[in-house]
Amino acid sequence: MEWLRNPQEIYAESFATIEREADLKPYPDALRSVVVRMIHACGMVDLTADIRWQGEVAQAVEGALSARRPIFTDCEMVRSGIIRRFLPQDFEPTCTLNDESVPDLAKRLKTTRSAAAVELWRETLEGAVVVIGNAPTTLFQLLELIQNGGPKPAAIIATPVGFVGAAESKQALTEANIDVPFVTVLGRRGGSAMASAALNATTIGRDWT
């Protein structure tokens, strides 16, 4: 069989295909790389029809990381997908889902562990970056916290995936009027790879010195 073996050629052709086939015209230059990486993560060029954003997401992420504000993720898959060499030195994203206090907190709040884990972000959420790729309940809980007067993150990347609550949570984000830059994808599609890819797009090539 004939197939590409050169990793640089594969990489270049992948992104060239996206540039040829996806409708990238609606997106400002600062968001274009985020959109391209989201498409690359799922292989669906029609994703552009469902991507929604507010504000200067890439700029907000860069400002937050320059100030060494935390990156909070909803699950370990998102955290694992964030490329460390593109982050400030010795910077580690945070996932509180498996904190030992979360199961009891979820029972007390009568909610999911994913939603309860958001409560552990509260003290350092102001000016942080939130990346959600799996759990709609994380996004619902975050929106409730902010709308009830809680701290606001600098930026939200939200692509929870699935059949129950995923579409609804992302629609709620677009309608929330919370004055926080965000990028999301409407509907059931999403996932951890897409979320971490979007975050990586905002950090590749940055000089954090």
Protein backbone atom coordinates (compact mmCIF):
# COMPACT_ATOMS: atom_id res chain seq x y z
CA MET A 1 0.00 0.00 0.00
CA GLU A 2 1.06 3.57 -0.64
CA TRP A 3 0.69 5.85 2.34
CA LEU A 4 2.41 8.91 3.76
CA ARG A 5 5.18 8.05 6.21
CA ASN A 6 6.80 11.43 6.75
CA PRO A 7 5.33 13.05 9.89
CA GLN A 8 5.97 16.59 8.67
CA GLU A 9 4.19 15.87 5.39
CA ILE A 10 1.23 14.32 7.22
CA TYR A 11 1.02 17.32 9.53
CA ALA A 12 1.24 19.83 6.67
CA GLU A 13 -1.30 18.03 4.49
CA SER A 14 -3.76 17.72 7.38
CA PHE A 15 -3.84 21.46 7.94
CA ALA A 16 -3.78 22.22 4.21
CA THR A 17 -6.90 20.05 3.83
CA ILE A 18 -8.67 22.00 6.57
CA GLU A 19 -7.73 25.30 4.90
CA ARG A 20 -9.12 24.04 1.58
CA GLU A 21 -12.33 22.47 2.81
CA ALA A 22 -13.47 24.40 5.89
CA ASP A 23 -15.25 27.74 5.81
CA LEU A 24 -12.89 29.80 7.94
CA LYS A 25 -13.93 33.23 6.63
CA PRO A 26 -16.25 34.12 9.54
CA TYR A 27 -13.48 33.83 12.12
CA PRO A 28 -11.11 36.63 13.14
CA ASP A 29 -7.40 35.96 12.73
CA ALA A 30 -6.88 35.53 16.48
CA LEU A 31 -9.46 32.73 16.62
CA ARG A 32 -8.65 31.04 13.31
CA SER A 33 -5.94 28.75 14.73
CA VAL A 34 -8.31 27.67 17.52
CA VAL A 35 -11.00 26.73 15.01
CA VAL A 36 -8.49 24.87 12.81
CA ARG A 37 -7.20 22.86 15.77
CA MET A 38 -10.74 22.01 16.88
CA ILE A 39 -11.48 20.69 13.38
CA HIS A 40 -8.19 18.78 13.32
CA ALA A 41 -9.10 17.08 16.61
CA CYS A 42 -12.35 15.63 15.23
CA GLY A 43 -11.79 15.41 11.46
CA MET A 44 -15.01 17.27 10.66
CA VAL A 45 -14.68 20.38 8.50
CA ASP A 46 -18.38 21.15 8.89
CA LEU A 47 -17.73 21.91 12.56
CA THR A 48 -17.41 25.58 11.58
CA ALA A 49 -21.20 25.83 11.27
CA ASP A 50 -21.58 25.16 15.00
CA ILE A 51 -18.66 27.02 16.56
CA ARG A 52 -19.63 30.05 18.63
CA TRP A 53 -17.39 32.49 20.44
CA GLN A 54 -17.41 35.68 22.44
CA GLY A 55 -14.60 38.14 22.99
CA GLU A 56 -10.86 37.71 22.53
CA VAL A 57 -10.40 34.13 23.73
CA ALA A 58 -6.76 33.67 22.70
CA GLN A 59 -5.77 37.03 24.15
CA ALA A 60 -7.58 36.27 27.41
CA VAL A 61 -5.81 32.90 27.75
CA GLU A 62 -2.43 34.47 27.05
CA GLY A 63 -3.03 37.17 29.66
CA ALA A 64 -4.12 34.66 32.26
CA LEU A 65 -1.13 32.38 31.73
CA SER A 66 1.28 35.31 31.67
CA ALA A 67 -0.06 36.12 35.14
CA ARG A 68 0.28 32.42 36.05
CA ARG A 69 -3.41 32.03 36.75
CA PRO A 70 -4.60 28.39 36.89
CA ILE A 71 -5.97 26.25 34.09
CA PHE A 72 -8.91 24.21 35.41
CA THR A 73 -10.07 21.14 33.47
CA ASP A 74 -13.16 19.02 33.99
CA CYS A 75 -11.41 15.68 33.52
CA GLU A 76 -8.01 14.04 33.32
CA MET A 77 -8.33 13.46 29.57
CA VAL A 78 -8.46 17.20 28.94
CA ARG A 79 -5.61 17.83 31.35
CA SER A 80 -3.50 15.14 29.67
CA GLY A 81 -4.15 16.64 26.23
CA ILE A 82 -2.70 20.03 27.15
CA ILE A 83 0.85 20.25 25.79
CA ARG A 84 3.11 21.23 28.66
CA ARG A 85 6.02 22.53 26.59
CA PHE A 86 3.77 25.33 25.29
CA LEU A 87 2.90 26.50 28.82
CA PRO A 88 4.92 28.74 31.13
CA GLN A 89 7.80 26.95 32.84
CA ASP A 90 6.77 24.51 35.59
CA PHE A 91 3.09 25.20 34.93
CA GLU A 92 0.65 22.33 35.53
CA PRO A 93 -3.10 22.36 34.70
CA THR A 94 -5.46 21.40 37.52
CA CYS A 95 -8.19 18.75 37.58
CA THR A 96 -10.08 18.42 40.87
CA LEU A 97 -12.43 15.64 39.77
CA ASN A 98 -10.52 12.97 41.70
CA ASP A 99 -9.95 14.99 44.83
CA GLU A 100 -10.84 12.83 47.82
CA SER A 101 -13.41 15.36 49.04
CA VAL A 102 -15.45 15.36 45.82
CA PRO A 103 -17.61 12.21 46.30
CA ASP A 104 -18.95 13.41 49.68
CA LEU A 105 -19.36 16.94 48.32
CA ALA A 106 -21.39 15.59 45.38
CA LYS A 107 -23.66 13.68 47.76
CA ARG A 108 -24.15 16.74 49.92
CA LEU A 109 -24.94 18.95 46.94
CA LYS A 110 -27.02 16.19 45.28
CA THR A 111 -25.18 16.54 42.01
CA THR A 112 -22.49 14.84 39.91
CA ARG A 113 -18.84 14.62 40.90
CA SER A 114 -18.02 16.71 37.85
CA ALA A 115 -20.26 19.52 39.07
CA ALA A 116 -19.12 19.24 42.67
CA ALA A 117 -15.47 19.51 41.60
CA VAL A 118 -16.17 23.05 40.39
CA GLU A 119 -16.67 24.13 44.00
CA LEU A 120 -12.98 23.40 44.60
CA TRP A 121 -12.08 26.01 41.98
CA ARG A 122 -13.88 28.86 43.72
CA GLU A 123 -10.97 30.40 45.66
CA THR A 124 -8.68 30.72 42.63
CA LEU A 125 -11.18 30.84 39.74
CA GLU A 126 -10.97 34.62 39.28
CA GLY A 127 -8.89 35.28 36.16
CA ALA A 128 -8.22 31.58 35.52
CA VAL A 129 -8.77 29.56 32.34
CA VAL A 130 -11.46 26.85 32.29
CA VAL A 131 -11.30 24.01 29.75
CA ILE A 132 -14.27 21.61 29.63
CA GLY A 133 -14.31 18.70 27.21
CA ASN A 134 -16.41 15.99 28.78
CA ALA A 135 -19.00 16.87 31.41
CA PRO A 136 -21.99 19.14 30.72
CA THR A 137 -22.67 19.33 34.47
CA THR A 138 -19.30 21.03 34.95
CA LEU A 139 -20.37 23.78 32.57
CA PHE A 140 -23.82 24.12 34.13
CA GLN A 141 -22.28 24.39 37.60
CA LEU A 142 -19.72 26.95 36.43
CA LEU A 143 -22.41 29.11 34.86
CA GLU A 144 -24.52 28.98 38.01
CA LEU A 145 -21.54 29.96 40.14
CA ILE A 146 -20.75 32.97 37.95
CA GLN A 147 -24.37 34.09 37.60
CA ASN A 148 -24.82 33.93 41.37
CA GLY A 149 -22.03 36.44 41.87
CA GLY A 150 -19.08 34.07 42.08
CA PRO A 151 -15.63 34.70 40.60
CA LYS A 152 -15.21 34.95 36.84
CA PRO A 153 -12.55 33.12 34.86
CA ALA A 154 -10.56 34.95 32.21
CA ALA A 155 -11.72 32.56 29.48
CA ILE A 156 -13.84 29.45 28.96
CA ILE A 157 -13.22 26.74 26.37
CA ALA A 158 -16.25 24.44 26.50
CA THR A 159 -16.83 21.42 24.29
CA PRO A 160 -18.64 18.88 26.50
CA VAL A 161 -19.82 15.95 24.42
CA GLY A 162 -22.78 13.60 24.58
CA PHE A 163 -26.52 13.09 24.43
CA VAL A 164 -27.73 14.37 27.81
CA GLY A 165 -27.07 17.98 28.67
CA ALA A 166 -24.18 18.59 26.29
CA ALA A 167 -26.10 20.64 23.72
CA GLU A 168 -28.12 22.35 26.44
CA SER A 169 -25.10 23.36 28.51
CA LYS A 170 -23.30 24.90 25.54
CA GLN A 171 -26.44 26.72 24.44
CA ALA A 172 -26.73 28.07 27.98
CA LEU A 173 -23.18 29.38 27.73
CA THR A 174 -23.96 31.30 24.54
CA GLU A 175 -27.03 32.85 26.20
CA ALA A 176 -25.58 33.49 29.65
CA ASN A 177 -24.44 37.10 29.19
CA ILE A 178 -21.60 36.61 31.66
CA ASP A 179 -19.04 38.90 29.98
CA VAL A 180 -16.36 36.20 29.79
CA PRO A 181 -14.56 35.35 26.52
CA PHE A 182 -15.43 31.83 25.38
CA VAL A 183 -15.38 29.40 22.49
CA THR A 184 -17.77 26.47 22.20
CA VAL A 185 -19.39 24.17 19.66
CA LEU A 186 -23.15 23.80 19.61
CA GLY A 187 -24.91 20.45 19.61
CA ARG A 188 -23.81 17.01 20.74
CA ARG A 189 -20.33 17.10 19.24
CA GLY A 190 -17.26 17.94 21.30
CA GLY A 191 -14.89 15.98 23.47
CA SER A 192 -11.69 16.17 25.47
CA ALA A 193 -9.40 16.14 22.44
CA MET A 194 -11.23 19.09 20.95
CA ALA A 195 -11.09 21.08 24.18
CA SER A 196 -7.38 20.52 24.78
CA ALA A 197 -6.62 21.21 21.10
CA ALA A 198 -8.39 24.56 21.37
CA LEU A 199 -6.36 25.47 24.44
CA ASN A 200 -3.12 24.34 22.77
CA ALA A 201 -3.87 26.58 19.79
CA THR A 202 -3.75 29.62 22.08
CA THR A 203 -0.37 28.69 23.58
CA ILE A 204 1.71 27.34 20.66
CA GLY A 205 4.65 29.62 19.92
CA ARG A 206 4.11 31.92 22.90
CA ASP A 207 7.15 33.35 24.69
CA TRP A 208 6.37 33.30 28.42
CA THR A 209 9.68 34.83 29.54
